[in-house]
Amino acid sequence: MRRIWPFYPVIGVLAFFLGACTGSQEPPLPALVAMGGEGEVRFYRAQGLQGGTATPVGAWTTPGLQDLAYSQAFGRLYLLFPDRLEAYPTQGFTEDAVPQPSPTQAAFPSGVDCAEGYLRLGQNRLLAHCPRAGRAFLWNLDASGDLEEADLTGLPPGVRLALFPQGGEELLAYITQQALGYRPVQNPSGTPSLEKPLDPQASQGPYDLRLDRPQGRLLGLAATLAEVRLYTLEGDSLSSRKVLGDFPQESRLALDPVGGVVVYGRGFQVLLPRESPVQQEYRTYAAGLVGQDGYLYLVQGQTLEVYDLVPSPPLFLRNQGLGFSPTSLAFIPVE
């Protein structure tokens, strides 16, 4: 078994993932990589992508698709459209077949347009943020019940959102150009809540906000005029550091509890399992994924790059054409 890094000391989490963790030094983990974009979702064998075969094993036509996300705990693939959410059970997925069962749907209220929206997974719920509409909604990850609308009072239009579990409750986490914090979903002035000013304050973005569940901390990306900065809220302490190179551009985070943490945009930089210098700093990546298998998948236009994260710096494996330009990726372990 590949080494598990001390950054993830939570024993229960490690026990859950230990059987799936493979990396470059172990038998491959059977899995699919789902890629969404241009009105479709294509599914590829992860081992095939690592070996240089970018032939999909299945494809769904999904007009208007905005984003996708996968929950291993609930065994569902979630798709976001401008007017609705869809949840698909994945129990019948294999490395060679991807049936498209009838989804469970949850429609947004009349008049809500979630074009350019995105999804974030929580512990038990899914967050759909619709920035153009200035609204956000939560849905149970088991695809039961109705949508619950989050109260975004006081948050500026450019906010990025995530879900932050604490004390048996899932809170609304947010990052703006001024602050990073969290608060109850429907009670902006309620408790538990915390807000910390960004230092240095951002003048561009924010670009992304993600939950690092094993560490119980929030990771946010924004930029000053000179550099992209990673803001980390852990406990009641907020720290920041420069990531990537100079001349900041829109950036994103890709992370997996076992696979690692990567920031990408204009180039990419591995933060965990072992920090690397900035890589490929003259390329701009639109989508990225860190798999449980310890591989990094990055999309530049219609090209996919695959890296092994075990060595430091990461080992480049493959560069292959996809024939379309995906904007969202998900890693789906299968039987």
Protein backbone atom coordinates (compact mmCIF):
# COMPACT_ATOMS: atom_id res chain seq x y z
CA MET A 1 0.00 0.00 0.00
CA ARG A 2 1.28 3.41 -0.89
CA ARG A 3 2.24 5.70 1.93
CA ILE A 4 -0.50 7.77 3.56
CA TRP A 5 0.81 11.26 4.30
CA PRO A 6 0.75 12.70 7.82
CA PHE A 7 -1.33 15.62 6.54
CA TYR A 8 -4.33 13.28 6.92
CA PRO A 9 -4.24 11.99 10.48
CA VAL A 10 -7.92 11.16 10.82
CA ILE A 11 -7.93 7.40 11.30
CA GLY A 12 -11.56 6.82 10.34
CA VAL A 13 -11.11 8.59 7.02
CA LEU A 14 -7.95 6.67 6.26
CA ALA A 15 -9.59 3.38 7.08
CA PHE A 16 -12.43 4.19 4.70
CA PHE A 17 -10.13 4.98 1.78
CA LEU A 18 -7.28 2.58 2.48
CA GLY A 19 -8.73 -0.20 0.39
CA ALA A 20 -9.24 2.08 -2.60
CA CYS A 21 -5.89 3.83 -2.45
CA THR A 22 -3.56 2.48 -5.12
CA GLY A 23 -1.33 5.03 -6.81
CA SER A 24 1.39 4.28 -9.31
CA GLN A 25 3.02 1.54 -7.24
CA GLU A 26 -0.01 -0.69 -6.68
CA PRO A 27 -2.60 -2.63 -8.71
CA PRO A 28 -4.83 -0.09 -10.49
CA LEU A 29 -8.04 1.08 -8.86
CA PRO A 30 -11.03 0.25 -11.11
CA ALA A 31 -12.64 3.60 -11.77
CA LEU A 32 -14.20 5.89 -14.34
CA VAL A 33 -13.44 9.55 -14.97
CA ALA A 34 -16.60 11.45 -15.91
CA MET A 35 -16.06 14.56 -18.02
CA GLY A 36 -18.83 17.08 -18.54
CA GLY A 37 -18.98 19.85 -21.11
CA GLU A 38 -20.49 21.00 -24.40
CA GLY A 39 -23.85 19.42 -23.55
CA GLU A 40 -22.65 15.91 -22.80
CA VAL A 41 -20.98 13.67 -20.24
CA ARG A 42 -18.34 11.23 -21.40
CA PHE A 43 -17.03 8.39 -19.25
CA TYR A 44 -13.47 7.05 -19.54
CA ARG A 45 -11.66 4.19 -17.84
CA ALA A 46 -9.16 5.79 -15.47
CA GLN A 47 -6.60 3.09 -16.30
CA GLY A 48 -7.08 3.82 -19.98
CA LEU A 49 -6.38 7.52 -19.51
CA GLN A 50 -3.25 6.69 -17.55
CA GLY A 51 -2.13 4.35 -20.32
CA GLY A 52 -2.87 6.69 -23.22
CA THR A 53 -6.32 5.51 -24.32
CA ALA A 54 -8.83 8.36 -24.39
CA THR A 55 -11.75 6.39 -25.81
CA PRO A 56 -15.00 6.83 -23.85
CA VAL A 57 -16.79 3.72 -22.64
CA GLY A 58 -20.07 5.63 -22.64
CA ALA A 59 -21.56 9.06 -23.28
CA TRP A 60 -24.76 10.79 -22.22
CA THR A 61 -26.36 13.65 -24.09
CA THR A 62 -27.04 16.38 -21.53
CA PRO A 63 -28.03 19.68 -23.20
CA GLY A 64 -27.38 22.67 -20.97
CA LEU A 65 -25.11 20.84 -18.52
CA GLN A 66 -23.32 23.29 -16.21
CA ASP A 67 -21.47 21.10 -13.70
CA LEU A 68 -21.30 17.60 -12.25
CA ALA A 69 -20.24 16.03 -8.95
CA TYR A 70 -20.02 12.51 -7.53
CA SER A 71 -20.63 11.26 -3.99
CA GLN A 72 -19.07 7.87 -3.24
CA ALA A 73 -20.82 7.67 0.13
CA PHE A 74 -24.23 8.00 -1.51
CA GLY A 75 -23.35 6.30 -4.81
CA ARG A 76 -24.79 9.06 -6.97
CA LEU A 77 -23.68 11.29 -9.82
CA TYR A 78 -25.25 14.77 -9.74
CA LEU A 79 -25.76 16.96 -12.79
CA LEU A 80 -26.56 20.67 -12.73
CA PHE A 81 -28.68 22.32 -15.42
CA PRO A 82 -29.95 25.91 -15.65
CA ASP A 83 -33.42 24.86 -14.40
CA ARG A 84 -32.85 21.73 -12.31
CA LEU A 85 -30.66 19.19 -10.53
CA GLU A 86 -30.50 15.51 -11.46
CA ALA A 87 -29.19 12.58 -9.40
CA TYR A 88 -28.22 9.26 -10.99
CA PRO A 89 -27.46 6.08 -9.01
CA THR A 90 -24.17 4.55 -10.14
CA GLN A 91 -24.49 1.00 -8.77
CA GLY A 92 -24.58 -0.48 -12.29
CA PHE A 93 -21.48 1.31 -13.54
CA THR A 94 -18.49 -0.81 -14.56
CA GLU A 95 -15.21 -0.06 -16.34
CA ASP A 96 -16.88 -1.12 -19.60
CA ALA A 97 -20.49 0.00 -19.30
CA VAL A 98 -22.28 3.12 -18.11
CA PRO A 99 -26.06 2.69 -18.14
CA GLN A 100 -28.14 5.86 -17.90
CA PRO A 101 -30.93 5.15 -15.41
CA SER A 102 -33.87 7.47 -14.86
CA PRO A 103 -32.72 10.31 -12.62
CA THR A 104 -34.33 11.84 -9.60
CA GLN A 105 -34.92 15.50 -10.37
CA ALA A 106 -35.30 18.66 -8.32
CA ALA A 107 -36.45 21.76 -10.20
CA PHE A 108 -35.34 25.27 -9.29
CA PRO A 109 -38.09 27.78 -8.52
CA SER A 110 -39.65 29.53 -11.50
CA GLY A 111 -37.46 32.37 -12.75
CA VAL A 112 -34.17 30.98 -11.40
CA ASP A 113 -31.51 30.60 -14.08
CA CYS A 114 -28.53 28.56 -12.89
CA ALA A 115 -26.45 29.02 -16.05
CA GLU A 116 -22.77 29.33 -15.05
CA GLY A 117 -23.64 27.71 -11.72
CA TYR A 118 -21.60 25.09 -9.88
CA LEU A 119 -21.98 22.25 -7.36
CA ARG A 120 -20.29 21.59 -4.03
CA LEU A 121 -20.66 18.41 -2.00
CA GLY A 122 -21.28 18.53 1.71
CA GLN A 123 -21.44 15.69 4.19
CA ASN A 124 -25.14 14.99 3.66
CA ARG A 125 -26.27 17.67 1.25
CA LEU A 126 -25.44 19.11 -2.15
CA LEU A 127 -25.04 22.85 -2.72
CA ALA A 128 -25.97 24.39 -6.06
CA HIS A 129 -24.87 28.02 -6.36
CA CYS A 130 -26.44 30.09 -9.15
CA PRO A 131 -24.30 33.27 -9.21
CA ARG A 132 -26.14 35.00 -12.04
CA ALA A 133 -29.41 34.64 -10.15
CA GLY A 134 -27.78 35.51 -6.81
CA ARG A 135 -29.29 32.39 -5.21
CA ALA A 136 -28.16 29.03 -3.83
CA PHE A 137 -30.00 25.82 -3.00
CA LEU A 138 -29.35 22.68 -0.96
CA TRP A 139 -30.56 19.16 -1.73
CA ASN A 140 -30.19 15.96 0.27
CA LEU A 141 -27.45 13.74 -1.17
CA ASP A 142 -29.83 10.78 -1.10
CA ALA A 143 -31.95 12.81 -3.58
CA SER A 144 -34.90 12.93 -1.20
CA GLY A 145 -36.96 15.94 -0.19
CA ASP A 146 -37.33 19.38 -1.68
CA LEU A 147 -34.72 22.02 -2.34
CA GLU A 148 -33.87 24.36 0.53
CA GLU A 149 -32.83 27.88 -0.37
CA ALA A 150 -29.84 29.40 1.38
CA ASP A 151 -30.07 32.94 2.70
CA LEU A 152 -27.33 34.97 0.98
CA THR A 153 -28.18 38.25 2.68
CA GLY A 154 -25.12 40.48 2.95
CA LEU A 155 -22.95 38.48 0.55
CA PRO A 156 -21.72 40.27 -2.60
CA PRO A 157 -22.45 38.97 -6.12
CA GLY A 158 -18.95 37.58 -6.65
CA VAL A 159 -19.02 35.31 -3.59
CA ARG A 160 -17.93 31.66 -3.81
CA LEU A 161 -19.73 29.15 -1.61
CA ALA A 162 -19.23 25.70 -0.08
CA LEU A 163 -20.66 23.60 2.75
CA PHE A 164 -18.86 23.31 6.08
CA PRO A 165 -19.96 20.63 8.60
CA GLN A 166 -19.67 21.59 12.26
CA GLY A 167 -21.47 20.39 15.36
CA GLY A 168 -23.80 18.07 13.46
CA GLU A 169 -24.89 20.90 11.17
CA GLU A 170 -23.86 21.89 7.65
CA LEU A 171 -23.04 25.57 7.51
CA LEU A 172 -22.80 27.91 4.54
CA ALA A 173 -19.13 28.74 3.93
CA TYR A 174 -18.18 31.74 1.81
CA ILE A 175 -15.24 33.71 0.48
CA THR A 176 -15.42 37.26 -0.86
CA GLN A 177 -12.69 39.74 -1.74
CA GLN A 178 -12.83 40.91 1.87
CA ALA A 179 -13.41 37.87 4.07
CA LEU A 180 -13.66 34.10 4.50
CA GLY A 181 -16.16 32.61 6.93
CA TYR A 182 -19.21 30.49 7.57
CA ARG A 183 -22.69 30.84 9.07
CA PRO A 184 -26.00 28.95 9.29
CA VAL A 185 -27.60 28.31 5.91
CA GLN A 186 -30.84 30.15 6.64
CA ASN A 187 -29.80 32.49 9.45
CA PRO A 188 -27.02 34.91 8.47
CA SER A 189 -26.74 36.32 11.99
CA GLY A 190 -27.04 32.97 13.79
CA THR A 191 -24.48 30.70 15.40
CA PRO A 192 -22.15 28.93 14.96
CA SER A 193 -20.52 31.49 12.71
CA LEU A 194 -17.10 32.96 12.05
CA GLU A 195 -15.72 35.56 9.66
CA LYS A 196 -12.09 36.51 9.14
CA PRO A 197 -10.83 39.37 6.94
CA LEU A 198 -8.51 38.37 4.11
CA ASP A 199 -4.93 39.47 4.62
CA PRO A 200 -3.79 40.63 2.17
CA GLN A 201 -7.17 41.68 0.83
CA ALA A 202 -8.03 40.33 -2.61
CA SER A 203 -8.58 42.58 -5.61
CA GLN A 204 -9.40 39.73 -8.03
CA GLY A 205 -11.76 36.81 -7.60
CA PRO A 206 -12.56 35.03 -5.39
CA TYR A 207 -11.99 32.03 -7.62
CA ASP A 208 -12.78 28.95 -5.55
CA LEU A 209 -13.69 27.62 -2.11
CA ARG A 210 -13.34 24.00 -1.06
CA LEU A 211 -13.75 21.96 2.11
CA ASP A 212 -10.73 19.90 3.17
CA ARG A 213 -12.83 17.45 5.15
CA PRO A 214 -10.11 15.35 6.89
CA GLN A 215 -8.54 18.50 8.34
CA GLY A 216 -11.86 20.24 8.96
CA ARG A 217 -10.67 23.38 7.24
CA LEU A 218 -11.65 25.63 4.35
CA LEU A 219 -9.37 26.40 1.40
CA GLY A 220 -10.11 29.48 -0.70
CA LEU A 221 -8.46 31.06 -3.73
CA ALA A 222 -8.38 34.75 -4.63
CA ALA A 223 -5.74 37.14 -5.96
CA THR A 224 -4.09 40.47 -5.39
CA LEU A 225 -2.94 42.49 -8.39
CA ALA A 226 0.35 40.57 -8.33
CA GLU A 227 -0.36 36.98 -7.27
CA VAL A 228 -2.85 34.19 -6.59
CA ARG A 229 -3.19 33.45 -2.89
CA LEU A 230 -4.44 30.41 -1.02
CA TYR A 231 -6.41 31.32 2.12
CA THR A 232 -6.75 28.62 4.77
CA LEU A 233 -9.32 28.85 7.57
CA GLU A 234 -8.51 26.28 10.26
CA GLY A 235 -10.24 26.60 13.60
CA ASP A 236 -10.42 30.34 14.20
CA SER A 237 -7.14 31.06 12.43
CA LEU A 238 -6.88 32.35 8.84
CA SER A 239 -3.56 32.18 7.00
CA SER A 240 -2.57 32.88 3.41
CA ARG A 241 0.28 32.17 1.02
CA LYS A 242 1.20 32.73 -2.60
CA VAL A 243 0.55 29.87 -5.03
CA LEU A 244 1.23 29.45 -8.75
CA GLY A 245 3.36 32.03 -10.53
CA ASP A 246 3.16 35.72 -11.30
CA PHE A 247 0.50 37.43 -13.42
CA PRO A 248 -2.54 35.90 -11.70
CA GLN A 249 -5.41 34.37 -13.64
CA GLU A 250 -8.56 32.55 -12.59
CA SER A 251 -7.56 29.47 -10.60
CA ARG A 252 -9.18 26.42 -9.03
CA LEU A 253 -8.50 23.76 -6.42
CA ALA A 254 -8.58 20.01 -7.00
CA LEU A 255 -8.37 17.79 -3.93
CA ASP A 256 -9.08 14.31 -2.66
CA PRO A 257 -8.78 13.10 0.97
CA VAL A 258 -6.13 10.55 -0.04
CA GLY A 259 -4.97 11.62 -3.49
CA GLY A 260 -3.69 15.09 -2.63
CA VAL A 261 -4.29 18.81 -3.15
CA VAL A 262 -3.49 20.75 -6.34
CA VAL A 263 -4.10 24.35 -7.38
CA TYR A 264 -4.35 24.96 -11.12
CA GLY A 265 -5.04 27.76 -13.56
CA ARG A 266 -2.04 29.33 -15.25
CA GLY A 267 0.04 26.23 -14.67
CA PHE A 268 -0.43 24.00 -11.65
CA GLN A 269 1.20 23.39 -8.30
CA VAL A 270 0.96 20.30 -6.12
CA LEU A 271 0.53 21.14 -2.44
CA LEU A 272 0.07 17.57 -1.16
CA PRO A 273 1.25 14.80 -0.88
CA ARG A 274 4.55 16.66 -1.44
CA GLU A 275 4.73 20.27 -2.51
CA SER A 276 6.13 20.95 -5.95
CA PRO A 277 7.27 24.09 -7.75
CA VAL A 278 4.86 25.57 -10.28
CA GLN A 279 4.53 23.25 -13.28
CA GLN A 280 3.65 24.14 -16.91
CA GLU A 281 3.25 27.81 -15.99
CA TYR A 282 2.64 28.87 -19.59
CA ARG A 283 -0.41 26.62 -20.00
CA THR A 284 -3.91 27.51 -18.82
CA TYR A 285 -6.07 24.71 -17.43
CA ALA A 286 -9.88 24.87 -17.40
CA ALA A 287 -10.64 21.73 -15.37
CA GLY A 288 -8.79 19.48 -12.97
CA LEU A 289 -9.28 16.38 -10.86
CA VAL A 290 -7.25 14.58 -8.21
CA GLY A 291 -8.35 10.95 -8.07
CA GLN A 292 -8.29 8.54 -5.15
CA ASP A 293 -5.76 6.65 -7.27
CA GLY A 294 -3.13 9.35 -6.78
CA TYR A 295 -3.26 10.66 -10.35
CA LEU A 296 -3.90 14.20 -11.50
CA TYR A 297 -6.09 14.84 -14.54
CA LEU A 298 -5.88 18.32 -16.13
CA VAL A 299 -7.76 19.70 -19.13
CA GLN A 300 -6.38 22.37 -21.45
CA GLY A 301 -8.87 23.03 -24.26
CA GLN A 302 -9.51 19.62 -25.85
CA THR A 303 -6.36 18.07 -24.41
CA LEU A 304 -6.06 15.95 -21.28
CA GLU A 305 -2.80 15.68 -19.33
CA VAL A 306 -2.27 12.92 -16.75
CA TYR A 307 0.32 13.09 -13.95
CA ASP A 308 1.39 10.68 -11.23
CA LEU A 309 1.38 12.55 -7.91
CA VAL A 310 3.55 10.05 -6.03
CA PRO A 311 6.90 11.47 -7.24
CA SER A 312 7.86 15.07 -6.55
CA PRO A 313 7.71 16.96 -8.82
CA PRO A 314 4.78 15.03 -10.32
CA LEU A 315 5.56 12.64 -13.16
CA PHE A 316 4.01 13.49 -16.53
CA LEU A 317 2.44 10.38 -18.07
CA ARG A 318 0.20 11.27 -20.99
CA ASN A 319 -1.02 14.09 -23.24
CA GLN A 320 -4.01 13.09 -25.36
CA GLY A 321 -6.81 14.65 -27.40
CA LEU A 322 -10.39 14.31 -26.22
CA GLY A 323 -12.33 15.71 -29.17
CA PHE A 324 -14.31 18.05 -26.88
CA SER A 325 -13.64 20.59 -24.15
CA PRO A 326 -14.85 19.40 -20.73
CA THR A 327 -15.24 21.92 -17.92
CA SER A 328 -15.98 19.56 -15.01
CA LEU A 329 -14.54 16.20 -13.97
CA ALA A 330 -15.50 13.51 -11.44
CA PHE A 331 -13.76 10.31 -10.28
CA ILE A 332 -16.09 7.28 -9.90
CA PRO A 333 -14.71 4.05 -8.39
CA VAL A 334 -16.51 0.99 -9.77
CA GLU A 335 -16.66 -2.73 -9.11
